[in-house]
Amino acid sequence: HAEILGPKFKLVLKMLRAELTNRGI
């Protein structure tokens, strides 16, 4: 299950970091 879920969570966290880091929001 983790092999399927892991990449999805990594994508979410990658996009949150890329889009929202250091904006204070």
PDBML (XML) file of the C-alpha atoms, coordinates in Angstrom:
<?xml version="1.0" encoding="UTF-8" ?>
<PDBx:datablock datablockName="MODEL"
   xmlns:PDBx="http://pdbml.pdb.org/schema/pdbx-v50.xsd"
   xmlns:xsi="http://www.w3.org/2001/XMLSchema-instance"
   xsi:schemaLocation="http://pdbml.pdb.org/schema/pdbx-v50.xsd pdbx-v50.xsd">
   <PDBx:atom_siteCategory>
      <PDBx:atom_site id="1">
         <PDBx:B_iso_or_equiv>0.00</PDBx:B_iso_or_equiv>
         <PDBx:Cartn_x>0.000</PDBx:Cartn_x>
         <PDBx:Cartn_y>0.000</PDBx:Cartn_y>
         <PDBx:Cartn_z>0.000</PDBx:Cartn_z>
         <PDBx:auth_asym_id>A</PDBx:auth_asym_id>
         <PDBx:auth_atom_id>CA</PDBx:auth_atom_id>
         <PDBx:auth_comp_id>HIS</PDBx:auth_comp_id>
         <PDBx:auth_seq_id>1</PDBx:auth_seq_id>
         <PDBx:group_PDB>ATOM</PDBx:group_PDB>
         <PDBx:label_alt_id xsi:nil="true" />
         <PDBx:label_asym_id>A</PDBx:label_asym_id>
         <PDBx:label_atom_id>CA</PDBx:label_atom_id>
         <PDBx:label_comp_id>HIS</PDBx:label_comp_id>
         <PDBx:label_entity_id>1</PDBx:label_entity_id>
         <PDBx:label_seq_id>1</PDBx:label_seq_id>
         <PDBx:occupancy>1.00</PDBx:occupancy>
         <PDBx:pdbx_PDB_model_num>1</PDBx:pdbx_PDB_model_num>
         <PDBx:type_symbol>C</PDBx:type_symbol>
      </PDBx:atom_site>
      <PDBx:atom_site id="2">
         <PDBx:B_iso_or_equiv>0.00</PDBx:B_iso_or_equiv>
         <PDBx:Cartn_x>2.830</PDBx:Cartn_x>
         <PDBx:Cartn_y>2.372</PDBx:Cartn_y>
         <PDBx:Cartn_z>0.923</PDBx:Cartn_z>
         <PDBx:auth_asym_id>A</PDBx:auth_asym_id>
         <PDBx:auth_atom_id>CA</PDBx:auth_atom_id>
         <PDBx:auth_comp_id>ALA</PDBx:auth_comp_id>
         <PDBx:auth_seq_id>2</PDBx:auth_seq_id>
         <PDBx:group_PDB>ATOM</PDBx:group_PDB>
         <PDBx:label_alt_id xsi:nil="true" />
         <PDBx:label_asym_id>A</PDBx:label_asym_id>
         <PDBx:label_atom_id>CA</PDBx:label_atom_id>
         <PDBx:label_comp_id>ALA</PDBx:label_comp_id>
         <PDBx:label_entity_id>1</PDBx:label_entity_id>
         <PDBx:label_seq_id>2</PDBx:label_seq_id>
         <PDBx:occupancy>1.00</PDBx:occupancy>
         <PDBx:pdbx_PDB_model_num>1</PDBx:pdbx_PDB_model_num>
         <PDBx:type_symbol>C</PDBx:type_symbol>
      </PDBx:atom_site>
      <PDBx:atom_site id="3">
         <PDBx:B_iso_or_equiv>0.00</PDBx:B_iso_or_equiv>
         <PDBx:Cartn_x>4.412</PDBx:Cartn_x>
         <PDBx:Cartn_y>1.939</PDBx:Cartn_y>
         <PDBx:Cartn_z>-2.506</PDBx:Cartn_z>
         <PDBx:auth_asym_id>A</PDBx:auth_asym_id>
         <PDBx:auth_atom_id>CA</PDBx:auth_atom_id>
         <PDBx:auth_comp_id>GLU</PDBx:auth_comp_id>
         <PDBx:auth_seq_id>3</PDBx:auth_seq_id>
         <PDBx:group_PDB>ATOM</PDBx:group_PDB>
         <PDBx:label_alt_id xsi:nil="true" />
         <PDBx:label_asym_id>A</PDBx:label_asym_id>
         <PDBx:label_atom_id>CA</PDBx:label_atom_id>
         <PDBx:label_comp_id>GLU</PDBx:label_comp_id>
         <PDBx:label_entity_id>1</PDBx:label_entity_id>
         <PDBx:label_seq_id>3</PDBx:label_seq_id>
         <PDBx:occupancy>1.00</PDBx:occupancy>
         <PDBx:pdbx_PDB_model_num>1</PDBx:pdbx_PDB_model_num>
         <PDBx:type_symbol>C</PDBx:type_symbol>
      </PDBx:atom_site>
      <PDBx:atom_site id="4">
         <PDBx:B_iso_or_equiv>0.00</PDBx:B_iso_or_equiv>
         <PDBx:Cartn_x>1.204</PDBx:Cartn_x>
         <PDBx:Cartn_y>3.374</PDBx:Cartn_y>
         <PDBx:Cartn_z>-3.961</PDBx:Cartn_z>
         <PDBx:auth_asym_id>A</PDBx:auth_asym_id>
         <PDBx:auth_atom_id>CA</PDBx:auth_atom_id>
         <PDBx:auth_comp_id>ILE</PDBx:auth_comp_id>
         <PDBx:auth_seq_id>4</PDBx:auth_seq_id>
         <PDBx:group_PDB>ATOM</PDBx:group_PDB>
         <PDBx:label_alt_id xsi:nil="true" />
         <PDBx:label_asym_id>A</PDBx:label_asym_id>
         <PDBx:label_atom_id>CA</PDBx:label_atom_id>
         <PDBx:label_comp_id>ILE</PDBx:label_comp_id>
         <PDBx:label_entity_id>1</PDBx:label_entity_id>
         <PDBx:label_seq_id>4</PDBx:label_seq_id>
         <PDBx:occupancy>1.00</PDBx:occupancy>
         <PDBx:pdbx_PDB_model_num>1</PDBx:pdbx_PDB_model_num>
         <PDBx:type_symbol>C</PDBx:type_symbol>
      </PDBx:atom_site>
      <PDBx:atom_site id="5">
         <PDBx:B_iso_or_equiv>0.00</PDBx:B_iso_or_equiv>
         <PDBx:Cartn_x>0.477</PDBx:Cartn_x>
         <PDBx:Cartn_y>5.995</PDBx:Cartn_y>
         <PDBx:Cartn_z>-1.314</PDBx:Cartn_z>
         <PDBx:auth_asym_id>A</PDBx:auth_asym_id>
         <PDBx:auth_atom_id>CA</PDBx:auth_atom_id>
         <PDBx:auth_comp_id>LEU</PDBx:auth_comp_id>
         <PDBx:auth_seq_id>5</PDBx:auth_seq_id>
         <PDBx:group_PDB>ATOM</PDBx:group_PDB>
         <PDBx:label_alt_id xsi:nil="true" />
         <PDBx:label_asym_id>A</PDBx:label_asym_id>
         <PDBx:label_atom_id>CA</PDBx:label_atom_id>
         <PDBx:label_comp_id>LEU</PDBx:label_comp_id>
         <PDBx:label_entity_id>1</PDBx:label_entity_id>
         <PDBx:label_seq_id>5</PDBx:label_seq_id>
         <PDBx:occupancy>1.00</PDBx:occupancy>
         <PDBx:pdbx_PDB_model_num>1</PDBx:pdbx_PDB_model_num>
         <PDBx:type_symbol>C</PDBx:type_symbol>
      </PDBx:atom_site>
      <PDBx:atom_site id="6">
         <PDBx:B_iso_or_equiv>0.00</PDBx:B_iso_or_equiv>
         <PDBx:Cartn_x>4.022</PDBx:Cartn_x>
         <PDBx:Cartn_y>7.220</PDBx:Cartn_y>
         <PDBx:Cartn_z>-0.662</PDBx:Cartn_z>
         <PDBx:auth_asym_id>A</PDBx:auth_asym_id>
         <PDBx:auth_atom_id>CA</PDBx:auth_atom_id>
         <PDBx:auth_comp_id>GLY</PDBx:auth_comp_id>
         <PDBx:auth_seq_id>6</PDBx:auth_seq_id>
         <PDBx:group_PDB>ATOM</PDBx:group_PDB>
         <PDBx:label_alt_id xsi:nil="true" />
         <PDBx:label_asym_id>A</PDBx:label_asym_id>
         <PDBx:label_atom_id>CA</PDBx:label_atom_id>
         <PDBx:label_comp_id>GLY</PDBx:label_comp_id>
         <PDBx:label_entity_id>1</PDBx:label_entity_id>
         <PDBx:label_seq_id>6</PDBx:label_seq_id>
         <PDBx:occupancy>1.00</PDBx:occupancy>
         <PDBx:pdbx_PDB_model_num>1</PDBx:pdbx_PDB_model_num>
         <PDBx:type_symbol>C</PDBx:type_symbol>
      </PDBx:atom_site>
      <PDBx:atom_site id="7">
         <PDBx:B_iso_or_equiv>0.00</PDBx:B_iso_or_equiv>
         <PDBx:Cartn_x>4.543</PDBx:Cartn_x>
         <PDBx:Cartn_y>8.963</PDBx:Cartn_y>
         <PDBx:Cartn_z>-4.026</PDBx:Cartn_z>
         <PDBx:auth_asym_id>A</PDBx:auth_asym_id>
         <PDBx:auth_atom_id>CA</PDBx:auth_atom_id>
         <PDBx:auth_comp_id>PRO</PDBx:auth_comp_id>
         <PDBx:auth_seq_id>7</PDBx:auth_seq_id>
         <PDBx:group_PDB>ATOM</PDBx:group_PDB>
         <PDBx:label_alt_id xsi:nil="true" />
         <PDBx:label_asym_id>A</PDBx:label_asym_id>
         <PDBx:label_atom_id>CA</PDBx:label_atom_id>
         <PDBx:label_comp_id>PRO</PDBx:label_comp_id>
         <PDBx:label_entity_id>1</PDBx:label_entity_id>
         <PDBx:label_seq_id>7</PDBx:label_seq_id>
         <PDBx:occupancy>1.00</PDBx:occupancy>
         <PDBx:pdbx_PDB_model_num>1</PDBx:pdbx_PDB_model_num>
         <PDBx:type_symbol>C</PDBx:type_symbol>
      </PDBx:atom_site>
      <PDBx:atom_site id="8">
         <PDBx:B_iso_or_equiv>0.00</PDBx:B_iso_or_equiv>
         <PDBx:Cartn_x>1.186</PDBx:Cartn_x>
         <PDBx:Cartn_y>10.746</PDBx:Cartn_y>
         <PDBx:Cartn_z>-3.670</PDBx:Cartn_z>
         <PDBx:auth_asym_id>A</PDBx:auth_asym_id>
         <PDBx:auth_atom_id>CA</PDBx:auth_atom_id>
         <PDBx:auth_comp_id>LYS</PDBx:auth_comp_id>
         <PDBx:auth_seq_id>8</PDBx:auth_seq_id>
         <PDBx:group_PDB>ATOM</PDBx:group_PDB>
         <PDBx:label_alt_id xsi:nil="true" />
         <PDBx:label_asym_id>A</PDBx:label_asym_id>
         <PDBx:label_atom_id>CA</PDBx:label_atom_id>
         <PDBx:label_comp_id>LYS</PDBx:label_comp_id>
         <PDBx:label_entity_id>1</PDBx:label_entity_id>
         <PDBx:label_seq_id>8</PDBx:label_seq_id>
         <PDBx:occupancy>1.00</PDBx:occupancy>
         <PDBx:pdbx_PDB_model_num>1</PDBx:pdbx_PDB_model_num>
         <PDBx:type_symbol>C</PDBx:type_symbol>
      </PDBx:atom_site>
      <PDBx:atom_site id="9">
         <PDBx:B_iso_or_equiv>0.00</PDBx:B_iso_or_equiv>
         <PDBx:Cartn_x>2.067</PDBx:Cartn_x>
         <PDBx:Cartn_y>12.182</PDBx:Cartn_y>
         <PDBx:Cartn_z>-0.281</PDBx:Cartn_z>
         <PDBx:auth_asym_id>A</PDBx:auth_asym_id>
         <PDBx:auth_atom_id>CA</PDBx:auth_atom_id>
         <PDBx:auth_comp_id>PHE</PDBx:auth_comp_id>
         <PDBx:auth_seq_id>9</PDBx:auth_seq_id>
         <PDBx:group_PDB>ATOM</PDBx:group_PDB>
         <PDBx:label_alt_id xsi:nil="true" />
         <PDBx:label_asym_id>A</PDBx:label_asym_id>
         <PDBx:label_atom_id>CA</PDBx:label_atom_id>
         <PDBx:label_comp_id>PHE</PDBx:label_comp_id>
         <PDBx:label_entity_id>1</PDBx:label_entity_id>
         <PDBx:label_seq_id>9</PDBx:label_seq_id>
         <PDBx:occupancy>1.00</PDBx:occupancy>
         <PDBx:pdbx_PDB_model_num>1</PDBx:pdbx_PDB_model_num>
         <PDBx:type_symbol>C</PDBx:type_symbol>
      </PDBx:atom_site>
      <PDBx:atom_site id="10">
         <PDBx:B_iso_or_equiv>0.00</PDBx:B_iso_or_equiv>
         <PDBx:Cartn_x>5.517</PDBx:Cartn_x>
         <PDBx:Cartn_y>13.135</PDBx:Cartn_y>
         <PDBx:Cartn_z>-1.540</PDBx:Cartn_z>
         <PDBx:auth_asym_id>A</PDBx:auth_asym_id>
         <PDBx:auth_atom_id>CA</PDBx:auth_atom_id>
         <PDBx:auth_comp_id>LYS</PDBx:auth_comp_id>
         <PDBx:auth_seq_id>10</PDBx:auth_seq_id>
         <PDBx:group_PDB>ATOM</PDBx:group_PDB>
         <PDBx:label_alt_id xsi:nil="true" />
         <PDBx:label_asym_id>A</PDBx:label_asym_id>
         <PDBx:label_atom_id>CA</PDBx:label_atom_id>
         <PDBx:label_comp_id>LYS</PDBx:label_comp_id>
         <PDBx:label_entity_id>1</PDBx:label_entity_id>
         <PDBx:label_seq_id>10</PDBx:label_seq_id>
         <PDBx:occupancy>1.00</PDBx:occupancy>
         <PDBx:pdbx_PDB_model_num>1</PDBx:pdbx_PDB_model_num>
         <PDBx:type_symbol>C</PDBx:type_symbol>
      </PDBx:atom_site>
      <PDBx:atom_site id="11">
         <PDBx:B_iso_or_equiv>0.00</PDBx:B_iso_or_equiv>
         <PDBx:Cartn_x>3.901</PDBx:Cartn_x>
         <PDBx:Cartn_y>15.007</PDBx:Cartn_y>
         <PDBx:Cartn_z>-4.422</PDBx:Cartn_z>
         <PDBx:auth_asym_id>A</PDBx:auth_asym_id>
         <PDBx:auth_atom_id>CA</PDBx:auth_atom_id>
         <PDBx:auth_comp_id>LEU</PDBx:auth_comp_id>
         <PDBx:auth_seq_id>11</PDBx:auth_seq_id>
         <PDBx:group_PDB>ATOM</PDBx:group_PDB>
         <PDBx:label_alt_id xsi:nil="true" />
         <PDBx:label_asym_id>A</PDBx:label_asym_id>
         <PDBx:label_atom_id>CA</PDBx:label_atom_id>
         <PDBx:label_comp_id>LEU</PDBx:label_comp_id>
         <PDBx:label_entity_id>1</PDBx:label_entity_id>
         <PDBx:label_seq_id>11</PDBx:label_seq_id>
         <PDBx:occupancy>1.00</PDBx:occupancy>
         <PDBx:pdbx_PDB_model_num>1</PDBx:pdbx_PDB_model_num>
         <PDBx:type_symbol>C</PDBx:type_symbol>
      </PDBx:atom_site>
      <PDBx:atom_site id="12">
         <PDBx:B_iso_or_equiv>0.00</PDBx:B_iso_or_equiv>
         <PDBx:Cartn_x>1.544</PDBx:Cartn_x>
         <PDBx:Cartn_y>16.878</PDBx:Cartn_y>
         <PDBx:Cartn_z>-2.100</PDBx:Cartn_z>
         <PDBx:auth_asym_id>A</PDBx:auth_asym_id>
         <PDBx:auth_atom_id>CA</PDBx:auth_atom_id>
         <PDBx:auth_comp_id>VAL</PDBx:auth_comp_id>
         <PDBx:auth_seq_id>12</PDBx:auth_seq_id>
         <PDBx:group_PDB>ATOM</PDBx:group_PDB>
         <PDBx:label_alt_id xsi:nil="true" />
         <PDBx:label_asym_id>A</PDBx:label_asym_id>
         <PDBx:label_atom_id>CA</PDBx:label_atom_id>
         <PDBx:label_comp_id>VAL</PDBx:label_comp_id>
         <PDBx:label_entity_id>1</PDBx:label_entity_id>
         <PDBx:label_seq_id>12</PDBx:label_seq_id>
         <PDBx:occupancy>1.00</PDBx:occupancy>
         <PDBx:pdbx_PDB_model_num>1</PDBx:pdbx_PDB_model_num>
         <PDBx:type_symbol>C</PDBx:type_symbol>
      </PDBx:atom_site>
      <PDBx:atom_site id="13">
         <PDBx:B_iso_or_equiv>0.00</PDBx:B_iso_or_equiv>
         <PDBx:Cartn_x>4.350</PDBx:Cartn_x>
         <PDBx:Cartn_y>17.916</PDBx:Cartn_y>
         <PDBx:Cartn_z>0.227</PDBx:Cartn_z>
         <PDBx:auth_asym_id>A</PDBx:auth_asym_id>
         <PDBx:auth_atom_id>CA</PDBx:auth_atom_id>
         <PDBx:auth_comp_id>LEU</PDBx:auth_comp_id>
         <PDBx:auth_seq_id>13</PDBx:auth_seq_id>
         <PDBx:group_PDB>ATOM</PDBx:group_PDB>
         <PDBx:label_alt_id xsi:nil="true" />
         <PDBx:label_asym_id>A</PDBx:label_asym_id>
         <PDBx:label_atom_id>CA</PDBx:label_atom_id>
         <PDBx:label_comp_id>LEU</PDBx:label_comp_id>
         <PDBx:label_entity_id>1</PDBx:label_entity_id>
         <PDBx:label_seq_id>13</PDBx:label_seq_id>
         <PDBx:occupancy>1.00</PDBx:occupancy>
         <PDBx:pdbx_PDB_model_num>1</PDBx:pdbx_PDB_model_num>
         <PDBx:type_symbol>C</PDBx:type_symbol>
      </PDBx:atom_site>
      <PDBx:atom_site id="14">
         <PDBx:B_iso_or_equiv>0.00</PDBx:B_iso_or_equiv>
         <PDBx:Cartn_x>6.632</PDBx:Cartn_x>
         <PDBx:Cartn_y>18.829</PDBx:Cartn_y>
         <PDBx:Cartn_z>-2.692</PDBx:Cartn_z>
         <PDBx:auth_asym_id>A</PDBx:auth_asym_id>
         <PDBx:auth_atom_id>CA</PDBx:auth_atom_id>
         <PDBx:auth_comp_id>LYS</PDBx:auth_comp_id>
         <PDBx:auth_seq_id>14</PDBx:auth_seq_id>
         <PDBx:group_PDB>ATOM</PDBx:group_PDB>
         <PDBx:label_alt_id xsi:nil="true" />
         <PDBx:label_asym_id>A</PDBx:label_asym_id>
         <PDBx:label_atom_id>CA</PDBx:label_atom_id>
         <PDBx:label_comp_id>LYS</PDBx:label_comp_id>
         <PDBx:label_entity_id>1</PDBx:label_entity_id>
         <PDBx:label_seq_id>14</PDBx:label_seq_id>
         <PDBx:occupancy>1.00</PDBx:occupancy>
         <PDBx:pdbx_PDB_model_num>1</PDBx:pdbx_PDB_model_num>
         <PDBx:type_symbol>C</PDBx:type_symbol>
      </PDBx:atom_site>
      <PDBx:atom_site id="15">
         <PDBx:B_iso_or_equiv>0.00</PDBx:B_iso_or_equiv>
         <PDBx:Cartn_x>3.970</PDBx:Cartn_x>
         <PDBx:Cartn_y>21.133</PDBx:Cartn_y>
         <PDBx:Cartn_z>-4.158</PDBx:Cartn_z>
         <PDBx:auth_asym_id>A</PDBx:auth_asym_id>
         <PDBx:auth_atom_id>CA</PDBx:auth_atom_id>
         <PDBx:auth_comp_id>MET</PDBx:auth_comp_id>
         <PDBx:auth_seq_id>15</PDBx:auth_seq_id>
         <PDBx:group_PDB>ATOM</PDBx:group_PDB>
         <PDBx:label_alt_id xsi:nil="true" />
         <PDBx:label_asym_id>A</PDBx:label_asym_id>
         <PDBx:label_atom_id>CA</PDBx:label_atom_id>
         <PDBx:label_comp_id>MET</PDBx:label_comp_id>
         <PDBx:label_entity_id>1</PDBx:label_entity_id>
         <PDBx:label_seq_id>15</PDBx:label_seq_id>
         <PDBx:occupancy>1.00</PDBx:occupancy>
         <PDBx:pdbx_PDB_model_num>1</PDBx:pdbx_PDB_model_num>
         <PDBx:type_symbol>C</PDBx:type_symbol>
      </PDBx:atom_site>
      <PDBx:atom_site id="16">
         <PDBx:B_iso_or_equiv>0.00</PDBx:B_iso_or_equiv>
         <PDBx:Cartn_x>3.154</PDBx:Cartn_x>
         <PDBx:Cartn_y>22.703</PDBx:Cartn_y>
         <PDBx:Cartn_z>-0.794</PDBx:Cartn_z>
         <PDBx:auth_asym_id>A</PDBx:auth_asym_id>
         <PDBx:auth_atom_id>CA</PDBx:auth_atom_id>
         <PDBx:auth_comp_id>LEU</PDBx:auth_comp_id>
         <PDBx:auth_seq_id>16</PDBx:auth_seq_id>
         <PDBx:group_PDB>ATOM</PDBx:group_PDB>
         <PDBx:label_alt_id xsi:nil="true" />
         <PDBx:label_asym_id>A</PDBx:label_asym_id>
         <PDBx:label_atom_id>CA</PDBx:label_atom_id>
         <PDBx:label_comp_id>LEU</PDBx:label_comp_id>
         <PDBx:label_entity_id>1</PDBx:label_entity_id>
         <PDBx:label_seq_id>16</PDBx:label_seq_id>
         <PDBx:occupancy>1.00</PDBx:occupancy>
         <PDBx:pdbx_PDB_model_num>1</PDBx:pdbx_PDB_model_num>
         <PDBx:type_symbol>C</PDBx:type_symbol>
      </PDBx:atom_site>
      <PDBx:atom_site id="17">
         <PDBx:B_iso_or_equiv>0.00</PDBx:B_iso_or_equiv>
         <PDBx:Cartn_x>6.840</PDBx:Cartn_x>
         <PDBx:Cartn_y>23.485</PDBx:Cartn_y>
         <PDBx:Cartn_z>-0.293</PDBx:Cartn_z>
         <PDBx:auth_asym_id>A</PDBx:auth_asym_id>
         <PDBx:auth_atom_id>CA</PDBx:auth_atom_id>
         <PDBx:auth_comp_id>ARG</PDBx:auth_comp_id>
         <PDBx:auth_seq_id>17</PDBx:auth_seq_id>
         <PDBx:group_PDB>ATOM</PDBx:group_PDB>
         <PDBx:label_alt_id xsi:nil="true" />
         <PDBx:label_asym_id>A</PDBx:label_asym_id>
         <PDBx:label_atom_id>CA</PDBx:label_atom_id>
         <PDBx:label_comp_id>ARG</PDBx:label_comp_id>
         <PDBx:label_entity_id>1</PDBx:label_entity_id>
         <PDBx:label_seq_id>17</PDBx:label_seq_id>
         <PDBx:occupancy>1.00</PDBx:occupancy>
         <PDBx:pdbx_PDB_model_num>1</PDBx:pdbx_PDB_model_num>
         <PDBx:type_symbol>C</PDBx:type_symbol>
      </PDBx:atom_site>
      <PDBx:atom_site id="18">
         <PDBx:B_iso_or_equiv>0.00</PDBx:B_iso_or_equiv>
         <PDBx:Cartn_x>7.282</PDBx:Cartn_x>
         <PDBx:Cartn_y>24.834</PDBx:Cartn_y>
         <PDBx:Cartn_z>-3.822</PDBx:Cartn_z>
         <PDBx:auth_asym_id>A</PDBx:auth_asym_id>
         <PDBx:auth_atom_id>CA</PDBx:auth_atom_id>
         <PDBx:auth_comp_id>ALA</PDBx:auth_comp_id>
         <PDBx:auth_seq_id>18</PDBx:auth_seq_id>
         <PDBx:group_PDB>ATOM</PDBx:group_PDB>
         <PDBx:label_alt_id xsi:nil="true" />
         <PDBx:label_asym_id>A</PDBx:label_asym_id>
         <PDBx:label_atom_id>CA</PDBx:label_atom_id>
         <PDBx:label_comp_id>ALA</PDBx:label_comp_id>
         <PDBx:label_entity_id>1</PDBx:label_entity_id>
         <PDBx:label_seq_id>18</PDBx:label_seq_id>
         <PDBx:occupancy>1.00</PDBx:occupancy>
         <PDBx:pdbx_PDB_model_num>1</PDBx:pdbx_PDB_model_num>
         <PDBx:type_symbol>C</PDBx:type_symbol>
      </PDBx:atom_site>
      <PDBx:atom_site id="19">
         <PDBx:B_iso_or_equiv>0.00</PDBx:B_iso_or_equiv>
         <PDBx:Cartn_x>4.111</PDBx:Cartn_x>
         <PDBx:Cartn_y>26.943</PDBx:Cartn_y>
         <PDBx:Cartn_z>-3.841</PDBx:Cartn_z>
         <PDBx:auth_asym_id>A</PDBx:auth_asym_id>
         <PDBx:auth_atom_id>CA</PDBx:auth_atom_id>
         <PDBx:auth_comp_id>GLU</PDBx:auth_comp_id>
         <PDBx:auth_seq_id>19</PDBx:auth_seq_id>
         <PDBx:group_PDB>ATOM</PDBx:group_PDB>
         <PDBx:label_alt_id xsi:nil="true" />
         <PDBx:label_asym_id>A</PDBx:label_asym_id>
         <PDBx:label_atom_id>CA</PDBx:label_atom_id>
         <PDBx:label_comp_id>GLU</PDBx:label_comp_id>
         <PDBx:label_entity_id>1</PDBx:label_entity_id>
         <PDBx:label_seq_id>19</PDBx:label_seq_id>
         <PDBx:occupancy>1.00</PDBx:occupancy>
         <PDBx:pdbx_PDB_model_num>1</PDBx:pdbx_PDB_model_num>
         <PDBx:type_symbol>C</PDBx:type_symbol>
      </PDBx:atom_site>
      <PDBx:atom_site id="20">
         <PDBx:B_iso_or_equiv>0.00</PDBx:B_iso_or_equiv>
         <PDBx:Cartn_x>3.665</PDBx:Cartn_x>
         <PDBx:Cartn_y>28.126</PDBx:Cartn_y>
         <PDBx:Cartn_z>-0.260</PDBx:Cartn_z>
         <PDBx:auth_asym_id>A</PDBx:auth_asym_id>
         <PDBx:auth_atom_id>CA</PDBx:auth_atom_id>
         <PDBx:auth_comp_id>LEU</PDBx:auth_comp_id>
         <PDBx:auth_seq_id>20</PDBx:auth_seq_id>
         <PDBx:group_PDB>ATOM</PDBx:group_PDB>
         <PDBx:label_alt_id xsi:nil="true" />
         <PDBx:label_asym_id>A</PDBx:label_asym_id>
         <PDBx:label_atom_id>CA</PDBx:label_atom_id>
         <PDBx:label_comp_id>LEU</PDBx:label_comp_id>
         <PDBx:label_entity_id>1</PDBx:label_entity_id>
         <PDBx:label_seq_id>20</PDBx:label_seq_id>
         <PDBx:occupancy>1.00</PDBx:occupancy>
         <PDBx:pdbx_PDB_model_num>1</PDBx:pdbx_PDB_model_num>
         <PDBx:type_symbol>C</PDBx:type_symbol>
      </PDBx:atom_site>
      <PDBx:atom_site id="21">
         <PDBx:B_iso_or_equiv>0.00</PDBx:B_iso_or_equiv>
         <PDBx:Cartn_x>7.007</PDBx:Cartn_x>
         <PDBx:Cartn_y>28.120</PDBx:Cartn_y>
         <PDBx:Cartn_z>1.567</PDBx:Cartn_z>
         <PDBx:auth_asym_id>A</PDBx:auth_asym_id>
         <PDBx:auth_atom_id>CA</PDBx:auth_atom_id>
         <PDBx:auth_comp_id>THR</PDBx:auth_comp_id>
         <PDBx:auth_seq_id>21</PDBx:auth_seq_id>
         <PDBx:group_PDB>ATOM</PDBx:group_PDB>
         <PDBx:label_alt_id xsi:nil="true" />
         <PDBx:label_asym_id>A</PDBx:label_asym_id>
         <PDBx:label_atom_id>CA</PDBx:label_atom_id>
         <PDBx:label_comp_id>THR</PDBx:label_comp_id>
         <PDBx:label_entity_id>1</PDBx:label_entity_id>
         <PDBx:label_seq_id>21</PDBx:label_seq_id>
         <PDBx:occupancy>1.00</PDBx:occupancy>
         <PDBx:pdbx_PDB_model_num>1</PDBx:pdbx_PDB_model_num>
         <PDBx:type_symbol>C</PDBx:type_symbol>
      </PDBx:atom_site>
      <PDBx:atom_site id="22">
         <PDBx:B_iso_or_equiv>0.00</PDBx:B_iso_or_equiv>
         <PDBx:Cartn_x>8.197</PDBx:Cartn_x>
         <PDBx:Cartn_y>31.545</PDBx:Cartn_y>
         <PDBx:Cartn_z>2.833</PDBx:Cartn_z>
         <PDBx:auth_asym_id>A</PDBx:auth_asym_id>
         <PDBx:auth_atom_id>CA</PDBx:auth_atom_id>
         <PDBx:auth_comp_id>ASN</PDBx:auth_comp_id>
         <PDBx:auth_seq_id>22</PDBx:auth_seq_id>
         <PDBx:group_PDB>ATOM</PDBx:group_PDB>
         <PDBx:label_alt_id xsi:nil="true" />
         <PDBx:label_asym_id>A</PDBx:label_asym_id>
         <PDBx:label_atom_id>CA</PDBx:label_atom_id>
         <PDBx:label_comp_id>ASN</PDBx:label_comp_id>
         <PDBx:label_entity_id>1</PDBx:label_entity_id>
         <PDBx:label_seq_id>22</PDBx:label_seq_id>
         <PDBx:occupancy>1.00</PDBx:occupancy>
         <PDBx:pdbx_PDB_model_num>1</PDBx:pdbx_PDB_model_num>
         <PDBx:type_symbol>C</PDBx:type_symbol>
      </PDBx:atom_site>
      <PDBx:atom_site id="23">
         <PDBx:B_iso_or_equiv>0.00</PDBx:B_iso_or_equiv>
         <PDBx:Cartn_x>4.937</PDBx:Cartn_x>
         <PDBx:Cartn_y>33.297</PDBx:Cartn_y>
         <PDBx:Cartn_z>1.988</PDBx:Cartn_z>
         <PDBx:auth_asym_id>A</PDBx:auth_asym_id>
         <PDBx:auth_atom_id>CA</PDBx:auth_atom_id>
         <PDBx:auth_comp_id>ARG</PDBx:auth_comp_id>
         <PDBx:auth_seq_id>23</PDBx:auth_seq_id>
         <PDBx:group_PDB>ATOM</PDBx:group_PDB>
         <PDBx:label_alt_id xsi:nil="true" />
         <PDBx:label_asym_id>A</PDBx:label_asym_id>
         <PDBx:label_atom_id>CA</PDBx:label_atom_id>
         <PDBx:label_comp_id>ARG</PDBx:label_comp_id>
         <PDBx:label_entity_id>1</PDBx:label_entity_id>
         <PDBx:label_seq_id>23</PDBx:label_seq_id>
         <PDBx:occupancy>1.00</PDBx:occupancy>
         <PDBx:pdbx_PDB_model_num>1</PDBx:pdbx_PDB_model_num>
         <PDBx:type_symbol>C</PDBx:type_symbol>
      </PDBx:atom_site>
      <PDBx:atom_site id="24">
         <PDBx:B_iso_or_equiv>0.00</PDBx:B_iso_or_equiv>
         <PDBx:Cartn_x>3.673</PDBx:Cartn_x>
         <PDBx:Cartn_y>33.374</PDBx:Cartn_y>
         <PDBx:Cartn_z>5.571</PDBx:Cartn_z>
         <PDBx:auth_asym_id>A</PDBx:auth_asym_id>
         <PDBx:auth_atom_id>CA</PDBx:auth_atom_id>
         <PDBx:auth_comp_id>GLY</PDBx:auth_comp_id>
         <PDBx:auth_seq_id>24</PDBx:auth_seq_id>
         <PDBx:group_PDB>ATOM</PDBx:group_PDB>
         <PDBx:label_alt_id xsi:nil="true" />
         <PDBx:label_asym_id>A</PDBx:label_asym_id>
         <PDBx:label_atom_id>CA</PDBx:label_atom_id>
         <PDBx:label_comp_id>GLY</PDBx:label_comp_id>
         <PDBx:label_entity_id>1</PDBx:label_entity_id>
         <PDBx:label_seq_id>24</PDBx:label_seq_id>
         <PDBx:occupancy>1.00</PDBx:occupancy>
         <PDBx:pdbx_PDB_model_num>1</PDBx:pdbx_PDB_model_num>
         <PDBx:type_symbol>C</PDBx:type_symbol>
      </PDBx:atom_site>
      <PDBx:atom_site id="25">
         <PDBx:B_iso_or_equiv>0.00</PDBx:B_iso_or_equiv>
         <PDBx:Cartn_x>0.220</PDBx:Cartn_x>
         <PDBx:Cartn_y>32.160</PDBx:Cartn_y>
         <PDBx:Cartn_z>4.596</PDBx:Cartn_z>
         <PDBx:auth_asym_id>A</PDBx:auth_asym_id>
         <PDBx:auth_atom_id>CA</PDBx:auth_atom_id>
         <PDBx:auth_comp_id>ILE</PDBx:auth_comp_id>
         <PDBx:auth_seq_id>25</PDBx:auth_seq_id>
         <PDBx:group_PDB>ATOM</PDBx:group_PDB>
         <PDBx:label_alt_id xsi:nil="true" />
         <PDBx:label_asym_id>A</PDBx:label_asym_id>
         <PDBx:label_atom_id>CA</PDBx:label_atom_id>
         <PDBx:label_comp_id>ILE</PDBx:label_comp_id>
         <PDBx:label_entity_id>1</PDBx:label_entity_id>
         <PDBx:label_seq_id>25</PDBx:label_seq_id>
         <PDBx:occupancy>1.00</PDBx:occupancy>
         <PDBx:pdbx_PDB_model_num>1</PDBx:pdbx_PDB_model_num>
         <PDBx:type_symbol>C</PDBx:type_symbol>
      </PDBx:atom_site>
   </PDBx:atom_siteCategory>
</PDBx:datablock>
